[in-house]
Protein backbone atom coordinates (compact mmCIF):
# COMPACT_ATOMS: atom_id res chain seq x y z
CA MET A 1 -0.04 0.29 0.13
CA GLY A 2 1.22 3.38 -0.84
CA ARG A 3 2.48 6.52 1.85
CA THR A 4 0.01 8.43 3.50
CA ALA A 5 -0.33 12.53 3.93
CA CYS A 6 0.75 11.98 7.30
CA ASP A 7 3.69 10.14 6.32
CA ARG A 8 4.92 12.49 3.29
CA ARG A 9 4.27 15.78 5.90
CA LEU A 10 6.44 13.24 8.42
CA GLU A 11 9.54 12.67 5.42
CA LYS A 12 9.35 16.21 4.70
CA LEU A 13 9.55 17.37 7.99
CA GLY A 14 12.23 15.16 8.67
CA ARG A 15 14.55 16.77 5.26
CA VAL A 16 14.31 20.41 6.89
CA GLY A 17 15.86 19.28 9.71
CA TYR A 18 12.96 18.93 12.65
CA ARG A 19 13.47 15.52 14.02
CA ASP A 20 13.20 13.69 17.38
CA ARG A 21 16.70 14.06 18.73
CA ASN A 22 16.34 13.31 22.69
CA GLY A 23 13.86 9.99 21.95
CA ASP A 24 10.97 11.50 23.27
CA GLY A 25 8.49 10.74 20.86
CA PHE A 26 8.25 14.67 20.02
CA ARG A 27 10.29 16.45 17.47
CA GLU A 28 12.64 19.03 17.96
CA LEU A 29 13.40 22.20 16.01
CA PRO A 30 16.97 21.89 13.78
CA ASP A 31 18.48 23.41 16.69
CA GLY A 32 17.95 20.83 18.86
CA LYS A 33 15.48 23.59 20.67
CA PRO A 34 11.58 22.12 21.01
CA LEU A 35 9.20 22.40 18.60
CA VAL A 36 6.27 24.92 19.58
CA LEU A 37 2.58 25.32 18.12
CA ARG A 38 0.35 27.53 19.59
CA ASN A 39 -2.93 27.74 18.59
CA GLY A 40 -5.11 31.70 18.25
CA MET A 41 -8.66 31.77 17.94
CA THR A 42 -10.56 34.30 18.06
CA PRO A 43 -12.71 34.82 21.12
CA ILE A 44 -15.90 35.18 18.40
CA ALA A 45 -18.20 32.29 19.23
CA ALA A 46 -18.72 30.55 15.70
CA ASP A 47 -15.46 31.22 14.84
CA ARG A 48 -14.48 28.92 18.13
CA ALA A 49 -16.94 26.46 17.13
CA ALA A 50 -15.68 26.20 13.68
CA SER A 51 -12.31 25.15 14.15
CA GLU A 52 -13.18 22.64 17.56
CA PRO A 53 -13.03 18.68 16.46
């Protein structure tokens, strides 16, 4: 079976240096610092509802 979209995205992250360098299961930046993702939300209820799973 072929690779999934997730597999391709993970491969791309690895190619540009985002790897799990310390074995904790999370990817770090190319310089070894933690990779932090922030999700911003607007205070409008309709926008919040649209972004929730």
